[in-house]
N, C-alpha and C. Protein backbone atom coordinates (compact mmCIF):
# COMPACT_ATOMS: atom_id res chain seq x y z
N MET A 1 0.82 -1.19 0.00
CA MET A 1 0.00 0.00 0.00
C MET A 1 0.87 1.26 0.00
N GLU A 2 1.96 1.18 0.75
CA GLU A 2 2.83 2.36 0.83
C GLU A 2 3.49 2.64 -0.52
N THR A 3 3.82 1.60 -1.26
CA THR A 3 4.43 1.78 -2.58
C THR A 3 3.44 2.43 -3.54
N LEU A 4 2.18 1.99 -3.49
CA LEU A 4 1.15 2.59 -4.33
C LEU A 4 0.94 4.06 -3.95
N LYS A 5 0.97 4.34 -2.67
CA LYS A 5 0.82 5.72 -2.19
C LYS A 5 1.94 6.61 -2.72
N LYS A 6 3.17 6.10 -2.67
CA LYS A 6 4.31 6.88 -3.18
C LYS A 6 4.21 7.08 -4.68
N ALA A 7 3.79 6.04 -5.41
CA ALA A 7 3.68 6.15 -6.87
C ALA A 7 2.63 7.19 -7.26
N VAL A 8 1.48 7.18 -6.59
CA VAL A 8 0.43 8.16 -6.89
C VAL A 8 0.90 9.57 -6.55
N ASN A 9 1.61 9.73 -5.44
CA ASN A 9 2.14 11.05 -5.09
C ASN A 9 3.11 11.56 -6.14
N ILE A 10 3.96 10.69 -6.66
CA ILE A 10 4.92 11.10 -7.69
C ILE A 10 4.18 11.48 -8.97
N LEU A 11 3.16 10.70 -9.36
CA LEU A 11 2.38 11.04 -10.55
C LEU A 11 1.68 12.39 -10.39
N VAL A 12 1.15 12.68 -9.21
CA VAL A 12 0.50 13.97 -8.97
C VAL A 12 1.51 15.10 -9.08
N MET A 13 2.70 14.90 -8.53
CA MET A 13 3.73 15.96 -8.63
C MET A 13 4.14 16.20 -10.08
N VAL A 14 4.30 15.15 -10.86
CA VAL A 14 4.67 15.30 -12.27
C VAL A 14 3.54 16.00 -13.02
N TYR A 15 2.31 15.61 -12.75
CA TYR A 15 1.16 16.27 -13.39
C TYR A 15 1.14 17.76 -13.06
N LEU A 16 1.33 18.09 -11.80
CA LEU A 16 1.32 19.51 -11.41
C LEU A 16 2.45 20.28 -12.09
N LEU A 17 3.60 19.68 -12.20
CA LEU A 17 4.73 20.34 -12.87
C LEU A 17 4.40 20.61 -14.34
N ILE A 18 3.88 19.60 -15.03
CA ILE A 18 3.53 19.78 -16.44
C ILE A 18 2.43 20.82 -16.60
N THR A 19 1.43 20.77 -15.73
CA THR A 19 0.32 21.73 -15.80
C THR A 19 0.81 23.15 -15.60
N PHE A 20 1.68 23.36 -14.62
CA PHE A 20 2.21 24.71 -14.41
C PHE A 20 3.07 25.17 -15.57
N LEU A 21 3.78 24.26 -16.20
CA LEU A 21 4.57 24.63 -17.39
C LEU A 21 3.66 25.08 -18.53
N PHE A 22 2.50 24.43 -18.69
CA PHE A 22 1.55 24.86 -19.71
C PHE A 22 0.91 26.18 -19.33
N LEU A 23 0.51 26.33 -18.08
CA LEU A 23 -0.18 27.56 -17.66
C LEU A 23 0.74 28.77 -17.69
N LEU A 24 2.01 28.57 -17.44
CA LEU A 24 2.97 29.68 -17.50
C LEU A 24 3.50 29.90 -18.91
N ARG A 25 2.99 29.13 -19.86
CA ARG A 25 3.35 29.23 -21.28
C ARG A 25 4.82 28.94 -21.54
N ILE A 26 5.39 28.08 -20.70
CA ILE A 26 6.76 27.62 -20.95
C ILE A 26 6.73 26.50 -21.98
N LEU A 27 5.73 25.62 -21.89
CA LEU A 27 5.49 24.61 -22.92
C LEU A 27 4.38 25.13 -23.84
N SER A 28 4.49 24.79 -25.11
CA SER A 28 3.54 25.30 -26.10
C SER A 28 2.34 24.35 -26.21
N VAL A 29 1.17 24.88 -25.98
CA VAL A 29 -0.05 24.10 -26.08
C VAL A 29 -0.32 23.75 -27.55
N SER A 30 -0.02 24.66 -28.46
CA SER A 30 -0.32 24.42 -29.87
C SER A 30 0.48 23.24 -30.41
N LYS A 31 1.71 23.06 -29.96
CA LYS A 31 2.49 21.91 -30.41
C LYS A 31 1.89 20.60 -29.90
N PHE A 32 1.39 20.58 -28.67
CA PHE A 32 0.76 19.37 -28.14
C PHE A 32 -0.59 19.11 -28.83
N VAL A 33 -1.30 20.16 -29.22
CA VAL A 33 -2.56 20.00 -29.94
C VAL A 33 -2.28 19.33 -31.29
N MET A 34 -1.22 19.76 -31.99
CA MET A 34 -0.87 19.14 -33.27
C MET A 34 -0.33 17.73 -33.07
N LEU A 35 0.46 17.50 -31.98
CA LEU A 35 1.04 16.19 -31.73
C LEU A 35 -0.03 15.13 -31.47
N PHE A 36 -1.05 15.47 -30.70
CA PHE A 36 -2.10 14.51 -30.37
C PHE A 36 -3.31 14.63 -31.31
N ASP A 37 -3.21 15.44 -32.36
CA ASP A 37 -4.24 15.59 -33.38
C ASP A 37 -5.59 15.97 -32.77
N LEU A 38 -5.55 17.03 -31.94
CA LEU A 38 -6.77 17.54 -31.32
C LEU A 38 -7.33 18.68 -32.16
N ALA A 39 -8.60 18.95 -32.04
CA ALA A 39 -9.25 19.98 -32.86
C ALA A 39 -8.90 21.39 -32.38
N THR A 40 -8.98 21.61 -31.02
CA THR A 40 -8.73 22.96 -30.49
C THR A 40 -7.91 22.86 -29.20
N HIS A 41 -7.54 24.04 -28.75
CA HIS A 41 -6.82 24.11 -27.46
C HIS A 41 -7.75 23.69 -26.32
N ALA A 42 -9.03 23.94 -26.49
CA ALA A 42 -10.00 23.60 -25.44
C ALA A 42 -10.04 22.09 -25.22
N ASP A 43 -9.92 21.31 -26.28
CA ASP A 43 -9.89 19.85 -26.13
C ASP A 43 -8.67 19.42 -25.31
N PHE A 44 -7.54 20.08 -25.59
CA PHE A 44 -6.32 19.74 -24.84
C PHE A 44 -6.50 20.04 -23.35
N TYR A 45 -7.03 21.24 -23.05
CA TYR A 45 -7.23 21.61 -21.65
C TYR A 45 -8.28 20.73 -20.97
N ASN A 46 -9.28 20.30 -21.76
CA ASN A 46 -10.30 19.41 -21.23
C ASN A 46 -9.67 18.07 -20.83
N ARG A 47 -8.82 17.51 -21.68
CA ARG A 47 -8.15 16.24 -21.35
C ARG A 47 -7.18 16.41 -20.18
N LEU A 48 -6.51 17.56 -20.13
CA LEU A 48 -5.60 17.83 -19.01
C LEU A 48 -6.39 17.92 -17.70
N LEU A 49 -7.56 18.52 -17.75
CA LEU A 49 -8.42 18.61 -16.58
C LEU A 49 -8.90 17.23 -16.14
N TRP A 50 -9.31 16.39 -17.07
CA TRP A 50 -9.75 15.04 -16.73
C TRP A 50 -8.61 14.22 -16.13
N ALA A 51 -7.42 14.35 -16.68
CA ALA A 51 -6.27 13.61 -16.14
C ALA A 51 -6.01 14.05 -14.70
N GLY A 52 -6.09 15.35 -14.44
CA GLY A 52 -5.89 15.85 -13.08
C GLY A 52 -6.96 15.36 -12.13
N ALA A 53 -8.21 15.35 -12.58
CA ALA A 53 -9.30 14.87 -11.73
C ALA A 53 -9.12 13.40 -11.37
N VAL A 54 -8.72 12.58 -12.36
CA VAL A 54 -8.52 11.16 -12.10
C VAL A 54 -7.35 10.95 -11.14
N LEU A 55 -6.27 11.70 -11.34
CA LEU A 55 -5.12 11.57 -10.43
C LEU A 55 -5.47 11.99 -9.01
N LEU A 56 -6.19 13.07 -8.85
CA LEU A 56 -6.55 13.53 -7.51
C LEU A 56 -7.53 12.58 -6.84
N LEU A 57 -8.44 12.00 -7.62
CA LEU A 57 -9.35 10.99 -7.06
C LEU A 57 -8.57 9.77 -6.60
N ALA A 58 -7.60 9.34 -7.42
CA ALA A 58 -6.77 8.19 -7.04
C ALA A 58 -5.99 8.49 -5.77
N GLU A 59 -5.44 9.70 -5.67
CA GLU A 59 -4.69 10.06 -4.47
C GLU A 59 -5.58 10.08 -3.23
N LEU A 60 -6.78 10.61 -3.38
CA LEU A 60 -7.72 10.64 -2.26
C LEU A 60 -8.06 9.23 -1.79
N LEU A 61 -8.36 8.34 -2.72
CA LEU A 61 -8.71 6.97 -2.35
C LEU A 61 -7.53 6.24 -1.71
N VAL A 62 -6.35 6.40 -2.27
CA VAL A 62 -5.17 5.71 -1.73
C VAL A 62 -4.83 6.24 -0.34
N GLU A 63 -4.90 7.54 -0.15
CA GLU A 63 -4.59 8.12 1.17
C GLU A 63 -5.58 7.63 2.22
N ASN A 64 -6.86 7.61 1.88
CA ASN A 64 -7.86 7.15 2.85
C ASN A 64 -7.69 5.67 3.17
N ALA A 65 -7.38 4.86 2.17
CA ALA A 65 -7.15 3.44 2.41
C ALA A 65 -5.91 3.24 3.29
N TYR A 66 -4.89 4.03 3.03
CA TYR A 66 -3.65 3.93 3.82
C TYR A 66 -3.91 4.31 5.28
N ILE A 67 -4.67 5.37 5.49
CA ILE A 67 -4.99 5.80 6.86
C ILE A 67 -5.84 4.75 7.56
N ALA A 68 -6.78 4.14 6.83
CA ALA A 68 -7.61 3.09 7.43
C ALA A 68 -6.76 1.89 7.84
N LEU A 69 -5.80 1.52 7.00
CA LEU A 69 -4.89 0.42 7.35
C LEU A 69 -4.05 0.75 8.57
N LEU A 70 -3.56 1.99 8.63
CA LEU A 70 -2.77 2.39 9.80
C LEU A 70 -3.59 2.35 11.08
N LYS A 71 -4.85 2.81 11.01
CA LYS A 71 -5.71 2.77 12.20
C LYS A 71 -5.99 1.34 12.63
N ARG A 72 -6.23 0.46 11.64
CA ARG A 72 -6.50 -0.93 11.97
C ARG A 72 -5.27 -1.57 12.63
N ASP A 73 -4.08 -1.28 12.09
CA ASP A 73 -2.86 -1.81 12.69
C ASP A 73 -2.64 -1.27 14.10
N LEU A 74 -2.95 0.01 14.30
CA LEU A 74 -2.79 0.62 15.61
C LEU A 74 -3.75 0.00 16.61
N ASP A 75 -4.99 -0.24 16.21
CA ASP A 75 -5.95 -0.89 17.10
C ASP A 75 -5.50 -2.30 17.46
N ARG A 76 -4.96 -3.03 16.49
CA ARG A 76 -4.46 -4.38 16.75
C ARG A 76 -3.29 -4.34 17.74
N GLU A 77 -2.39 -3.38 17.56
CA GLU A 77 -1.26 -3.23 18.49
C GLU A 77 -1.75 -2.90 19.89
N ARG A 78 -2.75 -2.04 20.00
CA ARG A 78 -3.29 -1.69 21.32
C ARG A 78 -3.91 -2.91 22.01
N ARG A 79 -4.67 -3.70 21.23
CA ARG A 79 -5.25 -4.91 21.81
C ARG A 79 -4.17 -5.88 22.28
N GLN A 80 -3.13 -6.05 21.46
CA GLN A 80 -2.03 -6.93 21.86
C GLN A 80 -1.35 -6.41 23.12
N HIS A 81 -1.16 -5.10 23.18
CA HIS A 81 -0.52 -4.49 24.36
C HIS A 81 -1.38 -4.71 25.61
N THR A 82 -2.69 -4.53 25.47
CA THR A 82 -3.60 -4.74 26.60
C THR A 82 -3.58 -6.20 27.04
N ASP A 83 -3.58 -7.13 26.06
CA ASP A 83 -3.54 -8.55 26.40
C ASP A 83 -2.24 -8.91 27.11
N LEU A 84 -1.13 -8.38 26.60
CA LEU A 84 0.16 -8.67 27.23
C LEU A 84 0.24 -8.07 28.63
N LYS A 85 -0.35 -6.91 28.80
CA LYS A 85 -0.35 -6.28 30.13
C LYS A 85 -1.16 -7.12 31.12
N ALA A 86 -2.30 -7.63 30.65
CA ALA A 86 -3.13 -8.48 31.52
C ALA A 86 -2.40 -9.77 31.85
N LYS A 87 -1.73 -10.38 30.88
CA LYS A 87 -0.97 -11.60 31.14
C LYS A 87 0.18 -11.33 32.12
N HIS A 88 0.83 -10.19 31.95
CA HIS A 88 1.94 -9.83 32.85
C HIS A 88 1.44 -9.68 34.28
N THR A 89 0.31 -9.02 34.45
CA THR A 89 -0.26 -8.86 35.78
C THR A 89 -0.64 -10.21 36.37
N GLU A 90 -1.20 -11.08 35.54
CA GLU A 90 -1.58 -12.41 36.01
C GLU A 90 -0.34 -13.22 36.43
N TRP A 91 0.73 -13.13 35.65
CA TRP A 91 1.97 -13.85 36.00
C TRP A 91 2.58 -13.31 37.29
N LYS A 92 2.52 -11.98 37.46
CA LYS A 92 3.03 -11.40 38.70
C LYS A 92 2.23 -11.91 39.90
N ALA A 93 0.91 -11.99 39.74
CA ALA A 93 0.06 -12.47 40.83
C ALA A 93 0.37 -13.93 41.14
N ARG A 94 0.55 -14.76 40.11
CA ARG A 94 0.90 -16.16 40.33
C ARG A 94 2.24 -16.29 41.04
N HIS A 95 3.21 -15.49 40.60
CA HIS A 95 4.54 -15.53 41.22
C HIS A 95 4.46 -15.13 42.69
N TYR A 96 3.68 -14.10 42.98
CA TYR A 96 3.51 -13.65 44.36
C TYR A 96 2.85 -14.74 45.19
N ASP A 97 1.81 -15.38 44.64
CA ASP A 97 1.14 -16.47 45.35
C ASP A 97 2.10 -17.63 45.61
N GLN A 98 2.94 -17.95 44.64
CA GLN A 98 3.91 -19.03 44.82
C GLN A 98 4.92 -18.69 45.91
N GLN A 99 5.34 -17.44 45.96
CA GLN A 99 6.29 -17.03 47.00
C GLN A 99 5.65 -17.09 48.38
N ILE A 100 4.38 -16.72 48.46
CA ILE A 100 3.69 -16.79 49.75
C ILE A 100 3.58 -18.24 50.20
N LYS A 101 3.23 -19.13 49.28
CA LYS A 101 3.11 -20.55 49.63
C LYS A 101 4.45 -21.13 50.04
N ALA A 102 5.53 -20.70 49.35
CA ALA A 102 6.85 -21.24 49.65
C ALA A 102 7.37 -20.75 51.00
N SER A 103 7.14 -19.48 51.32
CA SER A 103 7.69 -18.94 52.56
C SER A 103 6.77 -19.18 53.75
N GLY A 104 5.49 -19.35 53.51
CA GLY A 104 4.57 -19.60 54.60
C GLY A 104 4.05 -18.33 55.24
N SER A 105 4.60 -17.19 54.89
CA SER A 105 4.12 -15.93 55.44
C SER A 105 4.08 -14.91 54.31
N PRO A 106 3.26 -13.89 54.44
CA PRO A 106 3.19 -12.90 53.37
C PRO A 106 4.49 -12.13 53.24
N LEU A 107 4.79 -11.69 52.01
CA LEU A 107 6.02 -10.94 51.77
C LEU A 107 5.95 -9.53 52.34
N ILE A 108 4.78 -8.96 52.39
CA ILE A 108 4.60 -7.62 52.95
C ILE A 108 4.09 -7.79 54.36
N PRO A 109 4.84 -7.31 55.35
CA PRO A 109 4.39 -7.48 56.74
C PRO A 109 3.14 -6.64 56.99
N THR A 110 2.22 -7.25 57.67
CA THR A 110 1.00 -6.54 58.04
C THR A 110 0.94 -6.46 59.55
N SER A 111 0.33 -5.40 60.04
CA SER A 111 0.23 -5.26 61.49
C SER A 111 -0.90 -6.15 61.98
N ASP A 112 -0.59 -6.92 62.98
CA ASP A 112 -1.56 -7.84 63.56
C ASP A 112 -2.28 -7.10 64.69
N PRO A 113 -3.61 -7.03 64.67
CA PRO A 113 -4.31 -6.28 65.72
C PRO A 113 -4.10 -6.88 67.11
N ALA A 114 -3.69 -8.15 67.21
CA ALA A 114 -3.48 -8.77 68.52
C ALA A 114 -2.16 -8.31 69.15
N SER A 115 -1.17 -7.97 68.33
CA SER A 115 0.12 -7.53 68.89
C SER A 115 0.48 -6.17 68.31
N PRO A 116 -0.01 -5.09 68.89
CA PRO A 116 0.28 -3.75 68.37
C PRO A 116 1.75 -3.39 68.61
N THR A 117 2.32 -2.67 67.66
CA THR A 117 3.72 -2.24 67.80
C THR A 117 3.82 -0.93 68.55
N ILE A 118 2.78 -0.14 68.55
CA ILE A 118 2.80 1.13 69.25
C ILE A 118 1.97 0.97 70.52
N SER A 119 2.47 1.54 71.58
CA SER A 119 1.81 1.40 72.88
C SER A 119 0.42 2.01 72.84
N GLN A 120 -0.50 1.35 73.50
CA GLN A 120 -1.87 1.82 73.56
C GLN A 120 -2.08 2.82 74.69
N THR A 121 -1.03 3.13 75.44
CA THR A 121 -1.19 4.05 76.56
C THR A 121 -1.31 5.47 76.06
N ASN A 122 -1.96 6.27 76.80
CA ASN A 122 -2.15 7.66 76.46
C ASN A 122 -0.85 8.42 76.73
N PRO A 123 -0.27 9.13 75.76
CA PRO A 123 0.99 9.83 76.01
C PRO A 123 0.86 10.95 77.02
N ARG A 124 -0.32 11.44 77.30
CA ARG A 124 -0.49 12.53 78.25
C ARG A 124 -0.68 12.02 79.67
N SER A 125 -0.72 10.72 79.84
CA SER A 125 -1.03 10.19 81.16
C SER A 125 0.15 10.28 82.12
N GLY A 126 1.34 10.61 81.60
CA GLY A 126 2.48 10.79 82.49
C GLY A 126 3.18 9.49 82.81
N SER A 127 2.93 8.44 82.12
CA SER A 127 3.60 7.17 82.42
C SER A 127 5.03 7.22 81.92
N SER A 128 5.90 6.51 82.57
CA SER A 128 7.32 6.51 82.21
C SER A 128 7.62 5.43 81.16
N ASP A 129 6.61 4.82 80.58
CA ASP A 129 6.81 3.75 79.61
C ASP A 129 6.82 4.33 78.19
N ARG A 130 7.86 5.10 77.86
CA ARG A 130 7.96 5.76 76.56
C ARG A 130 8.77 4.92 75.56
N GLN A 131 9.34 3.80 75.93
CA GLN A 131 10.13 3.00 75.00
C GLN A 131 9.24 2.33 73.95
N ASP A 132 7.99 2.06 74.27
CA ASP A 132 7.10 1.38 73.34
C ASP A 132 6.53 2.32 72.29
N GLN A 133 6.66 3.61 72.47
CA GLN A 133 6.08 4.57 71.53
C GLN A 133 7.00 4.73 70.32
N ALA A 134 6.44 5.27 69.26
CA ALA A 134 7.20 5.49 68.02
C ALA A 134 8.29 6.52 68.28
N PRO A 135 9.42 6.41 67.57
CA PRO A 135 10.51 7.37 67.81
C PRO A 135 10.12 8.77 67.33
N ILE A 136 10.69 9.75 67.98
CA ILE A 136 10.44 11.13 67.62
C ILE A 136 11.35 11.49 66.45
N ILE A 137 10.78 12.08 65.42
CA ILE A 137 11.55 12.45 64.23
C ILE A 137 12.07 13.86 64.43
N VAL A 138 13.39 13.99 64.31
CA VAL A 138 14.04 15.28 64.48
C VAL A 138 14.31 15.84 63.09
N PRO A 139 13.95 17.10 62.84
CA PRO A 139 14.20 17.65 61.51
C PRO A 139 15.69 17.82 61.26
N ALA A 140 16.06 17.74 59.99
CA ALA A 140 17.47 17.89 59.59
C ALA A 140 17.90 19.33 59.81
N PRO A 141 19.18 19.54 60.09
CA PRO A 141 19.65 20.92 60.30
C PRO A 141 19.57 21.71 58.99
N ILE A 142 19.35 23.00 59.12
CA ILE A 142 19.26 23.89 57.97
C ILE A 142 20.67 24.23 57.52
N PRO A 143 20.97 24.10 56.22
CA PRO A 143 22.32 24.42 55.77
C PRO A 143 22.60 25.90 55.91
N PRO A 144 23.85 26.27 56.08
CA PRO A 144 24.18 27.69 56.25
C PRO A 144 23.93 28.45 54.95
N THR A 145 23.53 29.70 55.10
CA THR A 145 23.30 30.54 53.92
C THR A 145 24.49 31.46 53.74
N LEU A 146 24.80 31.76 52.51
CA LEU A 146 25.92 32.63 52.19
C LEU A 146 25.41 34.00 51.78
N ASP A 147 26.22 34.97 52.05
CA ASP A 147 25.94 36.30 51.55
C ASP A 147 26.13 36.27 50.04
N PRO A 148 25.22 36.84 49.24
CA PRO A 148 25.36 36.77 47.78
C PRO A 148 26.69 37.33 47.28
N ASN A 149 27.27 38.25 48.00
CA ASN A 149 28.56 38.82 47.58
C ASN A 149 29.71 37.86 47.86
N GLU A 150 29.53 36.90 48.77
CA GLU A 150 30.59 35.97 49.13
C GLU A 150 30.43 34.61 48.45
N ASN A 151 29.48 34.48 47.56
CA ASN A 151 29.23 33.19 46.90
C ASN A 151 30.40 32.86 45.98
N PRO A 152 31.08 31.72 46.21
CA PRO A 152 32.25 31.39 45.38
C PRO A 152 31.85 30.92 43.98
N ASN A 153 30.60 30.63 43.72
CA ASN A 153 30.19 30.16 42.40
C ASN A 153 29.91 31.29 41.42
N LEU A 154 29.85 32.51 41.90
CA LEU A 154 29.59 33.63 41.01
C LEU A 154 30.87 34.01 40.28
N PRO A 155 30.75 34.51 39.04
CA PRO A 155 31.96 34.95 38.32
C PRO A 155 32.50 36.24 38.93
N PRO A 156 33.76 36.50 38.73
CA PRO A 156 34.35 37.74 39.28
C PRO A 156 33.64 38.97 38.70
N ALA A 157 33.51 39.99 39.53
CA ALA A 157 32.80 41.19 39.12
C ALA A 157 33.60 42.05 38.17
N ASP A 158 34.94 41.87 38.14
CA ASP A 158 35.76 42.73 37.29
C ASP A 158 35.81 42.24 35.85
N HIS A 159 35.23 41.09 35.53
CA HIS A 159 35.21 40.59 34.15
C HIS A 159 33.87 40.89 33.52
N ARG A 160 33.92 41.18 32.23
CA ARG A 160 32.72 41.43 31.47
C ARG A 160 32.03 40.10 31.13
N PRO A 161 30.71 40.01 31.22
CA PRO A 161 30.05 38.75 30.82
C PRO A 161 30.17 38.53 29.33
N LEU A 162 30.17 37.29 28.95
CA LEU A 162 30.31 36.96 27.53
C LEU A 162 29.06 37.17 26.75
């Protein structure tokens, strides 16, 4: 299909070139009228018009068929991609299930409501049992700031910028 599309495009370009040569009077219409044994110049232009109409119709049909084929191929690729994605997810689930069966426990630890990791005591109650509570997160120190005039990454002030 792509070869046919290229051939029709080349024929249309050649037709347009010849037509513009006739319209700009670079090629002589009277010589072509005598060569093809036509009665008048109007017959020549009529045949030139018909040839152009047929070529443009052919190009329109070929382009639309080519686009339809591309869309059909794209839809097929999307379906294949969706099917492969579903199979991949299914294989991952099977692999995960096999690992759970092999190890006897889930790979992702879950909190068991019977054995809480964080103390159930009220932190405001004043109890000295703070080891069971979650650790306190301390923010990272703020990096020092430099004076813009002392920044070593700036270019020297005595040089002109490029």
